[in-house]
């Protein structure tokens, strides 16, 4: 798929930006090059290739899931304007 100056001019109009003819030609060439690369990548046979979450097959080290602080809910809710059954009550903002 090739992009030409008229396509860039339409996009510039929609984006409400001003672009010179030289910049439009340069942008059209750059976008066309990217789209050509995408076409080249789509032509590769990927049958039998399993998807990967990370190209290096790295594993993230995780910390232990343990409680590190005491429960202070009562103290925090003691200064709240309105609390009911351990929940903060707020004014309704959407009707």
N, C-alpha and C. Protein backbone atom coordinates (compact mmCIF):
# COMPACT_ATOMS: atom_id res chain seq x y z
N UNK A 1 0.85 -1.17 0.00
CA UNK A 1 0.00 0.00 0.00
C UNK A 1 0.89 1.23 0.00
N UNK A 2 0.70 2.08 -0.98
CA UNK A 2 1.51 3.29 -1.09
C UNK A 2 0.71 4.50 -0.62
N UNK A 3 1.39 5.38 0.06
CA UNK A 3 0.79 6.61 0.54
C UNK A 3 1.39 7.75 -0.27
N UNK A 4 0.56 8.64 -0.77
CA UNK A 4 1.10 9.75 -1.55
C UNK A 4 0.79 11.08 -0.88
N UNK A 5 1.21 12.14 -1.52
CA UNK A 5 1.07 13.48 -0.94
C UNK A 5 -0.39 13.84 -0.67
N UNK A 6 -1.31 13.40 -1.53
CA UNK A 6 -2.72 13.75 -1.34
C UNK A 6 -3.28 13.10 -0.06
N UNK A 7 -2.82 11.88 0.24
CA UNK A 7 -3.25 11.22 1.48
C UNK A 7 -2.76 11.99 2.71
N UNK A 8 -1.52 12.45 2.66
CA UNK A 8 -0.96 13.23 3.76
C UNK A 8 -1.69 14.55 3.89
N UNK A 9 -2.04 15.16 2.76
CA UNK A 9 -2.78 16.42 2.80
C UNK A 9 -4.15 16.23 3.44
N UNK A 10 -4.83 15.12 3.13
CA UNK A 10 -6.13 14.82 3.74
C UNK A 10 -5.98 14.64 5.26
N UNK A 11 -4.95 13.89 5.66
CA UNK A 11 -4.72 13.68 7.09
C UNK A 11 -4.39 14.99 7.80
N UNK A 12 -3.60 15.84 7.14
CA UNK A 12 -3.26 17.14 7.73
C UNK A 12 -4.51 17.99 7.90
N UNK A 13 -5.41 17.93 6.94
CA UNK A 13 -6.66 18.69 7.04
C UNK A 13 -7.50 18.17 8.19
N UNK A 14 -7.60 16.85 8.30
CA UNK A 14 -8.39 16.26 9.39
C UNK A 14 -7.78 16.57 10.75
N UNK A 15 -6.45 16.62 10.82
CA UNK A 15 -5.77 16.89 12.08
C UNK A 15 -5.65 18.38 12.35
N UNK A 16 -6.09 19.17 11.41
CA UNK A 16 -6.03 20.64 11.53
C UNK A 16 -4.58 21.13 11.73
N UNK A 17 -3.67 20.54 10.92
CA UNK A 17 -2.28 21.00 10.95
C UNK A 17 -1.88 21.43 9.55
N UNK A 18 -0.89 22.29 9.50
CA UNK A 18 -0.37 22.75 8.22
C UNK A 18 0.93 22.03 7.95
N UNK A 19 1.07 21.51 6.74
CA UNK A 19 2.27 20.77 6.38
C UNK A 19 2.72 21.23 5.00
N UNK A 20 4.02 21.45 4.85
CA UNK A 20 4.55 21.89 3.56
C UNK A 20 4.58 20.73 2.59
N UNK A 21 4.72 21.04 1.30
CA UNK A 21 4.76 19.99 0.29
C UNK A 21 5.97 19.08 0.49
N UNK A 22 7.11 19.66 0.87
CA UNK A 22 8.31 18.86 1.08
C UNK A 22 8.12 17.90 2.27
N UNK A 23 7.54 18.43 3.35
CA UNK A 23 7.29 17.59 4.52
C UNK A 23 6.25 16.52 4.20
N UNK A 24 5.26 16.86 3.38
CA UNK A 24 4.24 15.88 3.00
C UNK A 24 4.86 14.76 2.18
N UNK A 25 5.76 15.12 1.27
CA UNK A 25 6.43 14.09 0.47
C UNK A 25 7.29 13.18 1.35
N UNK A 26 8.00 13.78 2.29
CA UNK A 26 8.85 13.02 3.20
C UNK A 26 8.02 12.10 4.09
N UNK A 27 6.91 12.62 4.61
CA UNK A 27 6.03 11.80 5.46
C UNK A 27 5.41 10.66 4.65
N UNK A 28 5.01 10.94 3.42
CA UNK A 28 4.42 9.90 2.57
C UNK A 28 5.43 8.80 2.31
N UNK A 29 6.69 9.17 2.07
CA UNK A 29 7.73 8.16 1.82
C UNK A 29 7.98 7.33 3.08
N UNK A 30 8.05 7.99 4.24
CA UNK A 30 8.30 7.28 5.49
C UNK A 30 7.17 6.31 5.81
N UNK A 31 5.94 6.76 5.64
CA UNK A 31 4.78 5.90 5.93
C UNK A 31 4.73 4.74 4.95
N UNK A 32 5.03 5.01 3.68
CA UNK A 32 5.05 3.95 2.67
C UNK A 32 6.11 2.91 3.01
N UNK A 33 7.28 3.36 3.49
CA UNK A 33 8.34 2.42 3.88
C UNK A 33 7.89 1.55 5.05
N UNK A 34 7.22 2.13 6.03
CA UNK A 34 6.73 1.35 7.17
C UNK A 34 5.69 0.34 6.72
N UNK A 35 4.77 0.77 5.86
CA UNK A 35 3.74 -0.15 5.38
C UNK A 35 4.34 -1.27 4.54
N UNK A 36 5.40 -0.98 3.78
CA UNK A 36 6.09 -2.02 3.01
C UNK A 36 6.73 -3.03 3.96
N UNK A 37 7.30 -2.56 5.05
CA UNK A 37 7.88 -3.46 6.04
C UNK A 37 6.80 -4.34 6.67
N UNK A 38 5.65 -3.77 6.96
CA UNK A 38 4.53 -4.55 7.52
C UNK A 38 4.09 -5.61 6.52
N UNK A 39 4.00 -5.26 5.26
CA UNK A 39 3.63 -6.24 4.23
C UNK A 39 4.66 -7.37 4.17
N UNK A 40 5.93 -7.02 4.29
CA UNK A 40 6.99 -8.01 4.27
C UNK A 40 6.88 -8.95 5.48
N UNK A 41 6.57 -8.40 6.64
CA UNK A 41 6.41 -9.22 7.84
C UNK A 41 5.20 -10.13 7.74
N UNK A 42 4.13 -9.64 7.11
CA UNK A 42 2.92 -10.46 6.98
C UNK A 42 3.11 -11.61 6.01
N UNK A 43 4.10 -11.50 5.13
CA UNK A 43 4.34 -12.55 4.15
C UNK A 43 5.10 -13.74 4.75
N UNK A 44 5.65 -13.59 5.94
CA UNK A 44 6.42 -14.66 6.58
C UNK A 44 5.48 -15.75 7.07
N UNK A 45 5.88 -17.00 6.83
CA UNK A 45 5.09 -18.15 7.27
C UNK A 45 5.33 -18.36 8.76
N UNK A 46 4.30 -18.23 9.56
CA UNK A 46 4.42 -18.40 11.01
C UNK A 46 3.67 -19.62 11.52
N UNK A 47 3.36 -20.54 10.62
CA UNK A 47 2.67 -21.77 11.05
C UNK A 47 3.57 -22.55 11.99
N UNK A 48 3.03 -22.99 13.09
CA UNK A 48 3.78 -23.79 14.04
C UNK A 48 4.63 -22.97 15.00
N UNK A 49 4.60 -21.65 14.90
CA UNK A 49 5.37 -20.80 15.81
C UNK A 49 4.45 -20.39 16.96
N UNK A 50 4.85 -20.72 18.17
CA UNK A 50 4.03 -20.40 19.33
C UNK A 50 4.24 -18.93 19.72
N UNK A 51 3.18 -18.23 20.09
CA UNK A 51 3.34 -16.84 20.52
C UNK A 51 4.10 -16.76 21.83
N UNK A 52 4.86 -15.68 21.98
CA UNK A 52 5.66 -15.49 23.19
C UNK A 52 5.27 -14.18 23.84
N UNK A 53 5.34 -14.12 25.16
CA UNK A 53 5.06 -12.89 25.89
C UNK A 53 6.27 -11.98 25.89
N UNK A 54 7.47 -12.56 25.73
CA UNK A 54 8.70 -11.78 25.77
C UNK A 54 9.71 -12.46 24.84
N UNK A 55 10.44 -11.69 24.03
CA UNK A 55 11.35 -12.33 23.08
C UNK A 55 12.51 -13.09 23.73
N UNK A 56 12.85 -12.76 24.96
CA UNK A 56 13.95 -13.43 25.64
C UNK A 56 13.47 -14.53 26.56
N UNK A 57 12.16 -14.78 26.59
CA UNK A 57 11.57 -15.79 27.44
C UNK A 57 11.99 -15.60 28.90
N UNK A 58 12.00 -14.34 29.33
CA UNK A 58 12.42 -13.98 30.68
C UNK A 58 11.29 -14.22 31.67
N UNK A 59 11.67 -14.45 32.90
CA UNK A 59 10.71 -14.64 33.98
C UNK A 59 10.95 -13.56 35.02
N UNK A 60 9.91 -12.91 35.44
CA UNK A 60 10.04 -11.85 36.43
C UNK A 60 10.02 -12.44 37.84
N UNK A 61 10.99 -12.02 38.64
CA UNK A 61 11.02 -12.46 40.02
C UNK A 61 9.96 -11.68 40.81
N UNK A 62 9.19 -12.38 41.58
CA UNK A 62 8.13 -11.75 42.35
C UNK A 62 8.44 -11.85 43.84
N UNK A 63 8.01 -10.84 44.58
CA UNK A 63 8.21 -10.88 46.02
C UNK A 63 7.15 -11.79 46.64
N UNK A 64 7.40 -12.19 47.83
CA UNK A 64 6.45 -13.04 48.55
C UNK A 64 5.20 -12.24 48.86
N UNK A 65 4.05 -12.86 48.72
CA UNK A 65 2.77 -12.19 48.96
C UNK A 65 2.39 -12.36 50.42
N UNK A 66 2.98 -11.52 51.26
CA UNK A 66 2.70 -11.57 52.70
C UNK A 66 2.27 -10.19 53.17
N UNK A 67 1.47 -10.14 54.22
CA UNK A 67 1.03 -8.88 54.80
C UNK A 67 2.21 -8.26 55.52
N UNK A 68 2.49 -6.99 55.20
CA UNK A 68 3.65 -6.34 55.82
C UNK A 68 3.24 -5.18 56.73
N UNK A 69 1.96 -4.83 56.77
CA UNK A 69 1.49 -3.73 57.61
C UNK A 69 0.27 -4.19 58.40
N UNK A 70 0.08 -3.58 59.54
CA UNK A 70 -1.08 -3.90 60.37
C UNK A 70 -2.34 -3.26 59.79
N UNK A 71 -3.49 -3.85 60.09
CA UNK A 71 -4.77 -3.32 59.64
C UNK A 71 -5.10 -2.06 60.45
N UNK A 72 -5.17 -0.92 59.79
CA UNK A 72 -5.44 0.36 60.45
C UNK A 72 -6.74 0.99 59.93
N UNK A 73 -7.64 0.17 59.45
CA UNK A 73 -8.87 0.69 58.86
C UNK A 73 -9.67 1.52 59.85
N UNK A 74 -9.79 1.06 61.07
CA UNK A 74 -10.57 1.80 62.08
C UNK A 74 -9.99 3.20 62.29
N UNK A 75 -8.68 3.31 62.35
CA UNK A 75 -8.05 4.62 62.56
C UNK A 75 -8.30 5.53 61.36
N UNK A 76 -8.15 4.99 60.15
CA UNK A 76 -8.34 5.81 58.96
C UNK A 76 -9.79 6.25 58.82
N UNK A 77 -10.72 5.36 59.14
CA UNK A 77 -12.12 5.70 58.98
C UNK A 77 -12.65 6.56 60.12
N UNK A 78 -11.90 6.70 61.20
CA UNK A 78 -12.37 7.53 62.30
C UNK A 78 -12.44 9.01 61.92
N UNK A 79 -11.69 9.44 60.93
CA UNK A 79 -11.73 10.85 60.52
C UNK A 79 -12.58 11.07 59.26
N UNK A 80 -13.16 10.00 58.74
CA UNK A 80 -14.00 10.13 57.54
C UNK A 80 -15.34 10.74 57.90
N UNK A 81 -15.91 11.57 57.00
CA UNK A 81 -17.20 12.20 57.29
C UNK A 81 -18.35 11.20 57.41
N UNK A 82 -18.33 10.12 56.60
CA UNK A 82 -19.42 9.14 56.65
C UNK A 82 -18.88 7.76 56.34
N UNK A 83 -19.18 6.83 57.25
CA UNK A 83 -18.73 5.44 57.10
C UNK A 83 -19.89 4.54 57.49
N UNK A 84 -20.05 3.42 56.76
CA UNK A 84 -21.07 2.44 57.13
C UNK A 84 -20.55 1.05 56.79
N UNK A 85 -20.58 0.16 57.75
CA UNK A 85 -20.14 -1.22 57.58
C UNK A 85 -18.73 -1.32 57.02
N UNK A 86 -17.84 -0.42 57.45
CA UNK A 86 -16.46 -0.46 57.01
C UNK A 86 -16.20 0.15 55.65
N UNK A 87 -17.23 0.79 55.07
CA UNK A 87 -17.08 1.41 53.74
C UNK A 87 -17.23 2.93 53.87
N UNK A 88 -16.50 3.65 53.03
CA UNK A 88 -16.62 5.10 52.99
C UNK A 88 -17.87 5.46 52.18
N UNK A 89 -18.68 6.35 52.72
CA UNK A 89 -19.88 6.82 52.01
C UNK A 89 -19.55 8.16 51.37
N UNK A 90 -19.90 8.28 50.09
CA UNK A 90 -19.62 9.51 49.35
C UNK A 90 -20.92 10.00 48.73
N UNK A 91 -20.99 11.31 48.42
CA UNK A 91 -22.21 11.82 47.79
C UNK A 91 -22.37 11.26 46.39
N UNK A 92 -23.61 11.08 45.97
CA UNK A 92 -23.89 10.60 44.62
C UNK A 92 -23.59 11.72 43.63
N UNK A 93 -22.81 11.40 42.60
CA UNK A 93 -22.44 12.43 41.63
C UNK A 93 -23.07 12.17 40.26
N UNK A 94 -23.56 10.98 40.02
CA UNK A 94 -24.20 10.64 38.75
C UNK A 94 -25.63 10.26 39.04
N UNK A 95 -26.54 10.86 38.31
CA UNK A 95 -27.96 10.54 38.51
C UNK A 95 -28.42 9.45 37.61
